[in-house]
C-alpha atoms as a PDB file:
ATOM      1  CA  MET A   1     154.868  89.198  59.998  1.00  0.00           C
ATOM      2  CA  ASP A   2     157.330  92.190  60.115  1.00  0.00           C
ATOM      3  CA  ARG A   3     157.268  93.905  56.603  1.00  0.00           C
ATOM      4  CA  ARG A   4     161.252  94.373  57.106  1.00  0.00           C
ATOM      5  CA  LEU A   5     161.407  90.654  57.122  1.00  0.00           C
ATOM      6  CA  ILE A   6     159.472  89.972  54.150  1.00  0.00           C
ATOM      7  CA  TRP A   7     161.791  92.408  52.134  1.00  0.00           C
ATOM      8  CA  LEU A   8     165.009  90.727  53.068  1.00  0.00           C
ATOM      9  CA  THR A   9     163.829  87.334  52.261  1.00  0.00           C
ATOM     10  CA  SER A  10     162.783  88.730  48.979  1.00  0.00           C
ATOM     11  CA  LEU A  11     166.042  90.146  48.100  1.00  0.00           C
ATOM     12  CA  ALA A  12     167.868  86.582  48.387  1.00  0.00           C
ATOM     13  CA  ALA A  13     165.243  85.435  45.610  1.00  0.00           C
ATOM     14  CA  GLY A  14     167.277  88.191  43.122  1.00  0.00           C
ATOM     15  CA  MET A  15     164.543  88.516  40.212  1.00  0.00           C
ATOM     16  CA  ILE A  16     161.916  87.124  41.953  1.00  0.00           C
ATOM     17  CA  ALA A  17     162.255  90.062  44.369  1.00  0.00           C
ATOM     18  CA  LEU A  18     161.192  92.444  41.739  1.00  0.00           C
ATOM     19  CA  GLY A  19     157.790  90.747  41.612  1.00  0.00           C
ATOM     20  CA  VAL A  20     157.290  90.978  45.464  1.00  0.00           C
ATOM     21  CA  PHE A  21     158.451  94.358  45.481  1.00  0.00           C
ATOM     22  CA  ALA A  22     155.737  95.229  42.836  1.00  0.00           C
ATOM     23  CA  SER A  23     152.951  94.033  44.515  1.00  0.00           C
ATOM     24  CA  TYR A  24     153.950  95.230  47.671  1.00  0.00           C
ATOM     25  CA  ALA A  25     154.207  98.948  46.302  1.00  0.00           C
ATOM     26  CA  GLY A  26     151.086  98.406  44.626  1.00  0.00           C
ATOM     27  CA  ALA A  27     149.543  97.547  47.773  1.00  0.00           C
ATOM     28  CA  GLN A  28     150.795 100.652  49.530  1.00  0.00           C
ATOM     29  CA  SER A  29     149.556 102.767  46.716  1.00  0.00           C
ATOM     30  CA  ALA A  30     146.144 101.285  46.811  1.00  0.00           C
ATOM     31  CA  GLN A  31     145.978 101.573  50.360  1.00  0.00           C
ATOM     32  CA  ALA A  32     146.562 105.378  50.256  1.00  0.00           C
ATOM     33  CA  GLY A  33     144.742 106.462  47.500  1.00  0.00           C
ATOM     34  CA  ALA A  34     143.644 109.950  46.354  1.00  0.00           C
ATOM     35  CA  GLY A  35     140.519 109.864  48.651  1.00  0.00           C
ATOM     36  CA  GLU A  36     142.591 111.118  51.441  1.00  0.00           C
ATOM     37  CA  PHE A  37     143.271 114.270  49.302  1.00  0.00           C
ATOM     38  CA  ARG A  38     141.497 117.266  50.450  1.00  0.00           C
ATOM     39  CA  PRO A  39     141.527 120.436  48.408  1.00  0.00           C
ATOM     40  CA  GLU A  40     142.761 123.774  50.317  1.00  0.00           C
ATOM     41  CA  PRO A  41     141.514 127.290  49.951  1.00  0.00           C
ATOM     42  CA  LEU A  42     144.090 129.753  48.301  1.00  0.00           C
ATOM     43  CA  THR A  43     146.220 131.510  50.669  1.00  0.00           C
ATOM     44  CA  PRO A  44     146.883 135.298  50.332  1.00  0.00           C
ATOM     45  CA  PHE A  45     149.982 134.806  48.344  1.00  0.00           C
ATOM     46  CA  GLU A  46     148.342 132.347  45.967  1.00  0.00           C
ATOM     47  CA  THR A  47     145.166 134.553  45.618  1.00  0.00           C
ATOM     48  CA  GLN A  48     147.715 137.142  44.098  1.00  0.00           C
ATOM     49  CA  LEU A  49     149.117 134.699  41.631  1.00  0.00           C
ATOM     50  CA  LEU A  50     145.731 133.786  40.526  1.00  0.00           C
ATOM     51  CA  THR A  51     144.759 137.425  40.053  1.00  0.00           C
ATOM     52  CA  ARG A  52     148.011 138.342  38.130  1.00  0.00           C
ATOM     53  CA  ALA A  53     147.137 135.114  36.078  1.00  0.00           C
ATOM     54  CA  ARG A  54     143.806 136.586  35.069  1.00  0.00           C
ATOM     55  CA  SER A  55     145.057 140.030  34.532  1.00  0.00           C
ATOM     56  CA  SER A  56     147.979 138.909  31.905  1.00  0.00           C
ATOM     57  CA  GLY A  57     148.173 135.196  31.531  1.00  0.00           C
ATOM     58  CA  GLU A  58     145.491 132.061  31.224  1.00  0.00           C
ATOM     59  CA  VAL A  59     143.824 130.377  33.579  1.00  0.00           C
ATOM     60  CA  HIS A  60     142.373 127.084  34.261  1.00  0.00           C
ATOM     61  CA  GLU A  61     140.100 126.267  36.970  1.00  0.00           C
ATOM     62  CA  ASP A  62     138.149 123.010  38.045  1.00  0.00           C
ATOM     63  CA  GLU A  63     139.212 120.693  34.996  1.00  0.00           C
ATOM     64  CA  ARG A  64     138.820 117.165  34.790  1.00  0.00           C
ATOM     65  CA  PRO A  65     140.257 115.822  31.544  1.00  0.00           C
ATOM     66  CA  PRO A  66     139.449 112.560  30.488  1.00  0.00           C
ATOM     67  CA  PRO A  67     141.952 109.344  30.188  1.00  0.00           C
ATOM     68  CA  ALA A  68     143.835 109.658  26.888  1.00  0.00           C
ATOM     69  CA  ASP A  69     146.902 107.716  25.181  1.00  0.00           C
ATOM     70  CA  ASN A  70     149.922 108.339  23.602  1.00  0.00           C
ATOM     71  CA  ASN A  71     151.666 111.703  24.705  1.00  0.00           C
ATOM     72  CA  ALA A  72     148.367 113.023  26.600  1.00  0.00           C
ATOM     73  CA  ARG A  73     148.791 115.918  28.873  1.00  0.00           C
ATOM     74  CA  GLY A  74     146.298 117.155  31.268  1.00  0.00           C
ATOM     75  CA  ILE A  75     147.442 120.501  30.616  1.00  0.00           C
ATOM     76  CA  ALA A  76     150.247 121.931  28.466  1.00  0.00           C
ATOM     77  CA  LEU A  77     151.650 125.704  29.509  1.00  0.00           C
ATOM     78  CA  LYS A  78     153.415 127.480  27.108  1.00  0.00           C
ATOM     79  CA  ASP A  79     155.125 130.924  26.815  1.00  0.00           C
ATOM     80  CA  ASN A  80     152.922 132.601  29.744  1.00  0.00           C
ATOM     81  CA  ARG A  81     152.028 133.586  33.036  1.00  0.00           C
ATOM     82  CA  ALA A  82     149.434 130.832  34.112  1.00  0.00           C
ATOM     83  CA  ALA A  83     147.308 129.685  37.153  1.00  0.00           C
ATOM     84  CA  VAL A  84     145.900 126.339  37.537  1.00  0.00           C
ATOM     85  CA  VAL A  85     143.468 125.735  40.184  1.00  0.00           C
ATOM     86  CA  ASN A  86     141.595 122.506  41.120  1.00  0.00           C
ATOM     87  CA  LEU A  87     142.865 119.943  38.387  1.00  0.00           C
ATOM     88  CA  THR A  88     142.409 116.363  38.403  1.00  0.00           C
ATOM     89  CA  VAL A  89     144.346 114.009  35.865  1.00  0.00           C
ATOM     90  CA  ARG A  90     143.711 110.384  35.329  1.00  0.00           C
ATOM     91  CA  GLN A  91     145.302 107.995  32.827  1.00  0.00           C
ATOM     92  CA  ARG A  92     147.640 110.360  30.921  1.00  0.00           C
ATOM     93  CA  LYS A  93     151.283 110.309  30.217  1.00  0.00           C
ATOM     94  CA  TYR A  94     151.689 113.840  31.636  1.00  0.00           C
ATOM     95  CA  GLY A  95     149.673 115.849  34.439  1.00  0.00           C
ATOM     96  CA  VAL A  96     150.917 119.429  33.680  1.00  0.00           C
ATOM     97  CA  SER A  97     153.913 120.190  31.488  1.00  0.00           C
ATOM     98  CA  LEU A  98     155.641 123.738  31.619  1.00  0.00           C
ATOM     99  CA  ASP A  99     157.598 124.854  28.537  1.00  0.00           C
ATOM    100  CA  GLY A 100     158.899 128.525  28.323  1.00  0.00           C
ATOM    101  CA  THR A 101     156.248 129.679  30.916  1.00  0.00           C
ATOM    102  CA  GLY A 102     156.392 132.847  33.462  1.00  0.00           C
ATOM    103  CA  GLU A 103     155.017 132.741  36.727  1.00  0.00           C
ATOM    104  CA  VAL A 104     152.851 129.789  37.299  1.00  0.00           C
ATOM    105  CA  LEU A 105     150.810 128.677  40.250  1.00  0.00           C
ATOM    106  CA  ILE A 106     149.391 125.040  40.474  1.00  0.00           C
ATOM    107  CA  LYS A 107     146.973 124.480  43.577  1.00  0.00           C
ATOM    108  CA  ASN A 108     144.760 121.238  44.460  1.00  0.00           C
ATOM    109  CA  PHE A 109     146.234 119.119  41.904  1.00  0.00           C
ATOM    110  CA  VAL A 110     145.624 115.535  41.275  1.00  0.00           C
ATOM    111  CA  PHE A 111     147.481 113.113  39.100  1.00  0.00           C
ATOM    112  CA  LEU A 112     146.446 109.668  39.337  1.00  0.00           C
ATOM    113  CA  GLY A 113     148.004 106.445  37.019  1.00  0.00           C
ATOM    114  CA  ARG A 114     150.500 106.959  34.045  1.00  0.00           C
ATOM    115  CA  ARG A 115     149.130 105.791  30.870  1.00  0.00           C
ATOM    116  CA  SER A 116     151.595 105.436  28.170  1.00  0.00           C
ATOM    117  CA  LYS A 117     153.114 103.145  25.473  1.00  0.00           C
ATOM    118  CA  ASP A 118     156.607 103.968  26.588  1.00  0.00           C
ATOM    119  CA  ILE A 119     158.666 104.061  29.682  1.00  0.00           C
ATOM    120  CA  TYR A 120     158.209 107.725  30.608  1.00  0.00           C
ATOM    121  CA  GLY A 121     155.813 109.910  32.201  1.00  0.00           C
ATOM    122  CA  SER A 122     155.380 112.577  35.160  1.00  0.00           C
ATOM    123  CA  GLY A 123     152.637 114.031  36.742  1.00  0.00           C
ATOM    124  CA  LEU A 124     154.263 117.720  36.579  1.00  0.00           C
ATOM    125  CA  ILE A 125     157.498 118.081  34.274  1.00  0.00           C
ATOM    126  CA  LEU A 126     158.883 121.304  33.730  1.00  0.00           C
ATOM    127  CA  GLY A 127     161.491 122.083  30.866  1.00  0.00           C
ATOM    128  CA  GLN A 128     160.932 119.408  28.255  1.00  0.00           C
ATOM    129  CA  LYS A 129     161.158 121.389  25.480  1.00  0.00           C
ATOM    130  CA  GLU A 130     161.738 124.898  26.922  1.00  0.00           C
ATOM    131  CA  ALA A 131     162.929 126.007  30.103  1.00  0.00           C
ATOM    132  CA  SER A 132     160.466 127.602  32.163  1.00  0.00           C
ATOM    133  CA  LYS A 133     161.475 131.439  32.768  1.00  0.00           C
ATOM    134  CA  GLY A 134     159.526 132.505  35.859  1.00  0.00           C
ATOM    135  CA  GLU A 135     159.147 130.306  39.259  1.00  0.00           C
ATOM    136  CA  THR A 136     156.566 127.502  39.745  1.00  0.00           C
ATOM    137  CA  PHE A 137     154.189 127.458  42.825  1.00  0.00           C
ATOM    138  CA  LEU A 138     152.875 123.586  43.178  1.00  0.00           C
ATOM    139  CA  SER A 139     150.556 123.607  46.442  1.00  0.00           C
ATOM    140  CA  ASN A 140     148.676 121.065  47.748  1.00  0.00           C
ATOM    141  CA  ALA A 141     149.191 118.463  45.485  1.00  0.00           C
ATOM    142  CA  TRP A 142     148.520 114.415  45.381  1.00  0.00           C
ATOM    143  CA  ILE A 143     150.649 112.593  42.517  1.00  0.00           C
ATOM    144  CA  ASP A 144     150.558 108.757  42.219  1.00  0.00           C
ATOM    145  CA  LEU A 145     151.479 107.026  38.953  1.00  0.00           C
ATOM    146  CA  GLU A 146     150.136 103.941  40.251  1.00  0.00           C
ATOM    147  CA  GLU A 147     152.893 101.607  38.998  1.00  0.00           C
ATOM    148  CA  SER A 148     153.274  98.120  40.253  1.00  0.00           C
ATOM    149  CA  GLY A 149     156.413  99.146  42.234  1.00  0.00           C
ATOM    150  CA  PRO A 150     160.366 100.353  41.568  1.00  0.00           C
ATOM    151  CA  ASN A 151     161.871  98.951  38.735  1.00  0.00           C
ATOM    152  CA  PRO A 152     165.519  99.456  38.316  1.00  0.00           C
ATOM    153  CA  ASP A 153     165.764  98.555  34.513  1.00  0.00           C
ATOM    154  CA  TYR A 154     165.931 101.541  32.781  1.00  0.00           C
ATOM    155  CA  LYS A 155     164.956  99.826  29.404  1.00  0.00           C
ATOM    156  CA  ARG A 156     161.603  99.045  30.877  1.00  0.00           C
ATOM    157  CA  ALA A 157     160.984 102.040  33.422  1.00  0.00           C
ATOM    158  CA  ASN A 158     162.032 105.718  33.850  1.00  0.00           C
ATOM    159  CA  ASN A 159     159.349 107.727  35.203  1.00  0.00           C
ATOM    160  CA  GLU A 160     158.812 109.738  38.240  1.00  0.00           C
ATOM    161  CA  ALA A 161     156.189 111.872  40.108  1.00  0.00           C
ATOM    162  CA  ILE A 162     157.821 115.472  39.422  1.00  0.00           C
ATOM    163  CA  THR A 163     160.447 115.917  36.731  1.00  0.00           C
ATOM    164  CA  VAL A 164     162.518 119.097  36.580  1.00  0.00           C
ATOM    165  CA  GLU A 165     164.753 119.353  33.394  1.00  0.00           C
ATOM    166  CA  ARG A 166     168.081 121.888  33.183  1.00  0.00           C
ATOM    167  CA  GLY A 167     167.831 125.749  32.915  1.00  0.00           C
ATOM    168  CA  ASN A 168     164.089 125.860  34.896  1.00  0.00           C
ATOM    169  CA  GLY A 169     162.749 128.828  37.019  1.00  0.00           C
ATOM    170  CA  ARG A 170     162.824 127.805  40.681  1.00  0.00           C
ATOM    171  CA  LEU A 171     160.059 125.067  41.597  1.00  0.00           C
ATOM    172  CA  ASN A 172     158.525 125.711  44.963  1.00  0.00           C
ATOM    173  CA  VAL A 173     156.438 122.648  46.533  1.00  0.00           C
ATOM    174  CA  ARG A 174     154.098 123.131  49.578  1.00  0.00           C
ATOM    175  CA  ARG A 175     152.352 119.990  50.839  1.00  0.00           C
ATOM    176  CA  ALA A 176     152.606 117.432  47.958  1.00  0.00           C
ATOM    177  CA  VAL A 177     152.303 113.633  48.133  1.00  0.00           C
ATOM    178  CA  LEU A 178     154.667 111.857  45.527  1.00  0.00           C
ATOM    179  CA  ILE A 179     154.207 108.103  45.286  1.00  0.00           C
ATOM    180  CA  GLY A 180     153.722 105.297  42.915  1.00  0.00           C
ATOM    181  CA  ALA A 181     156.264 105.725  40.343  1.00  0.00           C
ATOM    182  CA  GLU A 182     158.710 103.009  38.855  1.00  0.00           C
ATOM    183  CA  GLU A 183     161.836 105.314  39.320  1.00  0.00           C
ATOM    184  CA  SER A 184     161.639 108.351  41.404  1.00  0.00           C
ATOM    185  CA  GLY A 185     159.562 110.961  43.194  1.00  0.00           C
ATOM    186  CA  LEU A 186     161.278 113.793  42.089  1.00  0.00           C
ATOM    187  CA  ASP A 187     164.139 113.898  39.349  1.00  0.00           C
ATOM    188  CA  ASN A 188     165.666 117.090  39.723  1.00  0.00           C
ATOM    189  CA  LYS A 189     168.085 118.858  37.321  1.00  0.00           C
ATOM    190  CA  GLY A 190     167.315 122.238  38.632  1.00  0.00           C
ATOM    191  CA  ASN A 191     166.658 124.148  41.656  1.00  0.00           C
ATOM    192  CA  VAL A 192     163.693 122.994  43.747  1.00  0.00           C
ATOM    193  CA  ARG A 193     162.739 124.046  47.145  1.00  0.00           C
ATOM    194  CA  MET A 194     160.133 121.703  48.893  1.00  0.00           C
ATOM    195  CA  ASP A 195     157.986 122.183  52.334  1.00  0.00           C
ATOM    196  CA  ALA A 196     155.433 119.357  54.150  1.00  0.00           C
ATOM    197  CA  SER A 197     155.668 116.869  51.638  1.00  0.00           C
ATOM    198  CA  PHE A 198     155.873 113.030  51.162  1.00  0.00           C
ATOM    199  CA  ILE A 199     158.043 111.121  48.930  1.00  0.00           C
ATOM    200  CA  ALA A 200     157.938 107.209  48.592  1.00  0.00           C
ATOM    201  CA  SER A 201     158.347 106.507  45.040  1.00  0.00           C
ATOM    202  CA  GLY A 202     160.334 103.890  42.787  1.00  0.00           C
ATOM    203  CA  HIS A 203     163.830 102.962  43.299  1.00  0.00           C
ATOM    204  CA  ARG A 204     165.652 106.217  43.769  1.00  0.00           C
ATOM    205  CA  PRO A 205     162.937 108.471  45.483  1.00  0.00           C
ATOM    206  CA  VAL A 206     165.081 111.706  44.963  1.00  0.00           C
ATOM    207  CA  ARG A 207     167.552 112.023  41.945  1.00  0.00           C
ATOM    208  CA  ILE A 208     169.819 115.229  42.266  1.00  0.00           C
ATOM    209  CA  TRP A 209     172.037 115.905  39.454  1.00  0.00           C
ATOM    210  CA  THR A 210     175.130 118.033  38.668  1.00  0.00           C
ATOM    211  CA  GLY A 211     174.410 121.614  39.067  1.00  0.00           C
ATOM    212  CA  ALA A 212     171.080 120.927  40.892  1.00  0.00           C
ATOM    213  CA  SER A 213     169.748 121.953  44.203  1.00  0.00           C
ATOM    214  CA  LEU A 214     167.295 120.970  46.690  1.00  0.00           C
ATOM    215  CA  VAL A 215     166.359 122.534  50.026  1.00  0.00           C
ATOM    216  CA  ILE A 216     163.440 120.227  51.669  1.00  0.00           C
ATOM    217  CA  ALA A 217     161.821 120.965  55.042  1.00  0.00           C
ATOM    218  CA  ASN A 218     159.236 119.293  57.394  1.00  0.00           C
ATOM    219  CA  SER A 219     159.186 116.583  54.877  1.00  0.00           C
ATOM    220  CA  THR A 220     159.411 112.465  54.672  1.00  0.00           C
ATOM    221  CA  VAL A 221     161.411 110.599  52.320  1.00  0.00           C
ATOM    222  CA  LEU A 222     160.972 106.847  52.461  1.00  0.00           C
ATOM    223  CA  ALA A 223     163.125 104.495  50.356  1.00  0.00           C
ATOM    224  CA  TYR A 224     161.508 100.866  49.524  1.00  0.00           C
ATOM    225  CA  PRO A 225     163.635  98.182  51.368  1.00  0.00           C
ATOM    226  CA  GLY A 226     166.459  97.175  49.026  1.00  0.00           C
ATOM    227  CA  PHE A 227     166.997 100.377  47.196  1.00  0.00           C
ATOM    228  CA  GLY A 228     168.434 103.792  48.520  1.00  0.00           C
ATOM    229  CA  GLY A 229     166.650 106.924  48.946  1.00  0.00           C
ATOM    230  CA  PHE A 230     168.788 109.630  47.319  1.00  0.00           C
ATOM    231  CA  TRP A 231     170.756 109.386  44.203  1.00  0.00           C
ATOM    232  CA  PHE A 232     173.403 111.838  42.989  1.00  0.00           C
ATOM    233  CA  GLY A 233     174.920 111.826  39.701  1.00  0.00           C
ATOM    234  CA  GLY A 234     175.671 113.540  36.353  1.00  0.00           C
ATOM    235  CA  GLY A 235     179.357 114.002  36.069  1.00  0.00           C
ATOM    236  CA  GLU A 236     181.919 116.872  37.350  1.00  0.00           C
ATOM    237  CA  GLY A 237     180.281 119.298  39.424  1.00  0.00           C
ATOM    238  CA  VAL A 238     177.978 119.846  42.343  1.00  0.00           C
ATOM    239  CA  ALA A 239     175.030 118.355  43.412  1.00  0.00           C
ATOM    240  CA  GLN A 240     173.522 120.056  46.808  1.00  0.00           C
ATOM    241  CA  LEU A 241     170.992 118.753  49.425  1.00  0.00           C
ATOM    242  CA  ASP A 242     169.977 120.814  52.051  1.00  0.00           C
ATOM    243  CA  TYR A 243     167.036 119.342  54.852  1.00  0.00           C
ATOM    244  CA  TYR A 244     165.570 120.500  57.657  1.00  0.00           C
ATOM    245  CA  ASN A 245     163.442 118.960  60.248  1.00  0.00           C
ATOM    246  CA  CYS A 246     162.764 115.891  58.196  1.00  0.00           C
ATOM    247  CA  ARG A 247     162.011 112.275  58.570  1.00  0.00           C
ATOM    248  CA  PHE A 248     163.876 109.149  56.827  1.00  0.00           C
ATOM    249  CA  GLY A 249     163.579 105.607  56.494  1.00  0.00           C
ATOM    250  CA  ARG A 250     161.813 102.485  54.663  1.00  0.00           C
ATOM    251  CA  VAL A 251     158.541 101.974  53.625  1.00  0.00           C
ATOM    252  CA  GLY A 252     156.815  99.889  56.356  1.00  0.00           C
ATOM    253  CA  ASP A 253     159.206 101.377  59.026  1.00  0.00           C
ATOM    254  CA  ARG A 254     157.304 102.167  62.235  1.00  0.00           C
ATOM    255  CA  PRO A 255     157.296 105.964  63.274  1.00  0.00           C
ATOM    256  CA  GLU A 256     160.165 105.712  66.087  1.00  0.00           C
ATOM    257  CA  ASP A 257     162.473 103.882  63.089  1.00  0.00           C
ATOM    258  CA  LEU A 258     162.386 106.738  61.129  1.00  0.00           C
ATOM    259  CA  SER A 259     165.716 109.133  61.630  1.00  0.00           C
ATOM    260  CA  SER A 260     166.094 112.799  61.673  1.00  0.00           C
ATOM    261  CA  HIS A 261     169.355 112.574  59.689  1.00  0.00           C
ATOM    262  CA  ILE A 262     169.916 110.889  56.090  1.00  0.00           C
ATOM    263  CA  PRO A 263     171.394 107.391  56.922  1.00  0.00           C
ATOM    264  CA  ASP A 264     174.301 106.468  54.965  1.00  0.00           C
ATOM    265  CA  TRP A 265     172.668 103.532  53.243  1.00  0.00           C
ATOM    266  CA  MET A 266     170.014 106.066  51.756  1.00  0.00           C
ATOM    267  CA  ILE A 267     172.620 107.900  49.829  1.00  0.00           C
ATOM    268  CA  ALA A 268     174.051 106.628  46.493  1.00  0.00           C
ATOM    269  CA  LYS A 269     176.081 107.413  43.549  1.00  0.00           C
ATOM    270  CA  ASP A 270     177.518 105.565  40.791  1.00  0.00           C
ATOM    271  CA  ALA A 271     181.072 104.103  41.537  1.00  0.00           C
ATOM    272  CA  ASP A 272     182.644 105.881  38.508  1.00  0.00           C
ATOM    273  CA  ASP A 273     180.686 109.271  38.272  1.00  0.00           C
ATOM    274  CA  PRO A 274     182.998 112.134  40.087  1.00  0.00           C
ATOM    275  CA  VAL A 275     179.601 114.234  41.147  1.00  0.00           C
ATOM    276  CA  GLU A 276     180.634 116.062  44.302  1.00  0.00           C
ATOM    277  CA  MET A 277     177.520 115.516  46.606  1.00  0.00           C
ATOM    278  CA  ARG A 278     177.242 118.330  49.187  1.00  0.00           C
ATOM    279  CA  ILE A 279     174.786 117.701  51.834  1.00  0.00           C
ATOM    280  CA  ARG A 280     173.723 119.730  54.804  1.00  0.00           C
ATOM    281  CA  ARG A 281     171.184 119.396  57.805  1.00  0.00           C
ATOM    282  CA  LEU A 282     170.138 122.734  58.525  1.00  0.00           C
ATOM    283  CA  THR A 283     169.769 123.846  62.190  1.00  0.00           C
ATOM    284  CA  LYS A 284     167.419 126.779  60.947  1.00  0.00           C
ATOM    285  CA  ASP A 285     164.307 126.657  58.835  1.00  0.00           C
ATOM    286  CA  PRO A 286     164.986 127.806  55.395  1.00  0.00           C
ATOM    287  CA  PHE A 287     161.876 129.320  54.594  1.00  0.00           C
ATOM    288  CA  ASN A 288     160.156 132.866  55.416  1.00  0.00           C
ATOM    289  CA  ARG A 289     157.056 131.946  57.160  1.00  0.00           C
ATOM    290  CA  ASP A 290     155.346 135.616  56.983  1.00  0.00           C
ATOM    291  CA  ASN A 291     151.782 135.232  56.374  1.00  0.00           C
ATOM    292  CA  GLY A 292     151.926 137.162  53.273  1.00  0.00           C
ATOM    293  CA  GLY A 293     154.451 134.556  51.364  1.00  0.00           C
ATOM    294  CA  PHE A 294     154.064 131.143  49.739  1.00  0.00           C
ATOM    295  CA  TRP A 295     155.394 129.190  52.841  1.00  0.00           C
ATOM    296  CA  ILE A 296     153.030 129.449  55.293  1.00  0.00           C
ATOM    297  CA  PRO A 297     153.049 126.781  57.882  1.00  0.00           C
ATOM    298  CA  THR A 298     150.885 123.453  56.902  1.00  0.00           C
ATOM    299  CA  GLN A 299     150.828 119.806  58.377  1.00  0.00           C
ATOM    300  CA  SER A 300     152.914 117.376  56.194  1.00  0.00           C
ATOM    301  CA  PRO A 301     150.590 114.618  54.720  1.00  0.00           C
ATOM    302  CA  GLU A 302     151.094 110.930  55.470  1.00  0.00           C
ATOM    303  CA  PRO A 303     149.259 108.602  53.046  1.00  0.00           C
ATOM    304  CA  ARG A 304     147.827 105.212  54.643  1.00  0.00           C
ATOM    305  CA  GLY A 305     150.071 102.054  54.279  1.00  0.00           C
ATOM    306  CA  TYR A 306     153.482 103.599  54.121  1.00  0.00           C
ATOM    307  CA  ILE A 307     154.423 104.013  57.722  1.00  0.00           C
ATOM    308  CA  GLU A 308     153.343 101.049  60.147  1.00  0.00           C
ATOM    309  CA  ARG A 309     150.795 102.439  62.785  1.00  0.00           C
ATOM    310  CA  GLN A 310     149.928 100.492  65.818  1.00  0.00           C
ATOM    311  CA  ARG A 311     146.152  99.168  65.619  1.00  0.00           C
END
């Protein structure tokens, strides 16, 4: 049966639909699985970041912290330059947290299964206690909170794959899968640049707040049927979104159903919010593809089960 028909039927059932959403979303996450993740070698640029961290910072390599309760973090980075390479975090509230950090590299990062006694949690969080001072470079990541599905009740769910609080240094994301949260894939109050990534997470896959900006290229953003894709808010001021060569649509769409421009139904803000949404479809690649830089071209990942493929 066509999955979109299942969703439309479920919507008419009101609160019952939330249970259907949860079951369906959980099935997508289970079909995808981090078994699809493949570590990649460091690029020349990333090797330089690692070398600088060894010289005047801290380095974490090949770590797999065990599951833990309460506010546990896989790694908590503070007040320093750092490099994290080949990290897998399972069943913790946060994967990696950055507070007051300088330049940070996170390479080959897997986060699976938010474990918390409250509604919060993220695979990566910047500036929860103190804004990061330098740029952060996230390269080749798989973040799956493994929640049961989108949940728009903020008394019960407020978790996302990546959280960026206000005032942080720029976050650069290259080749990431952001899935499995209840609220969003990216909750952005800062300055984020993203390339070759896949987002299908929560009831607001991307949140952009007043004063924040997102530049995204060569990526896929999917909304769960019945929900939007991009939410703008935070009061007076500008929230900026620039995109280039991306695909947009719903979970369960076929490749030919996806759009190269953001459909109106994917864009939302609260009716009484005076935020100014600025959305631009770029005609030129916004990133420098020099072999010595961070934005070396790479293929965008596509987890199994989110886009309908002919068998």
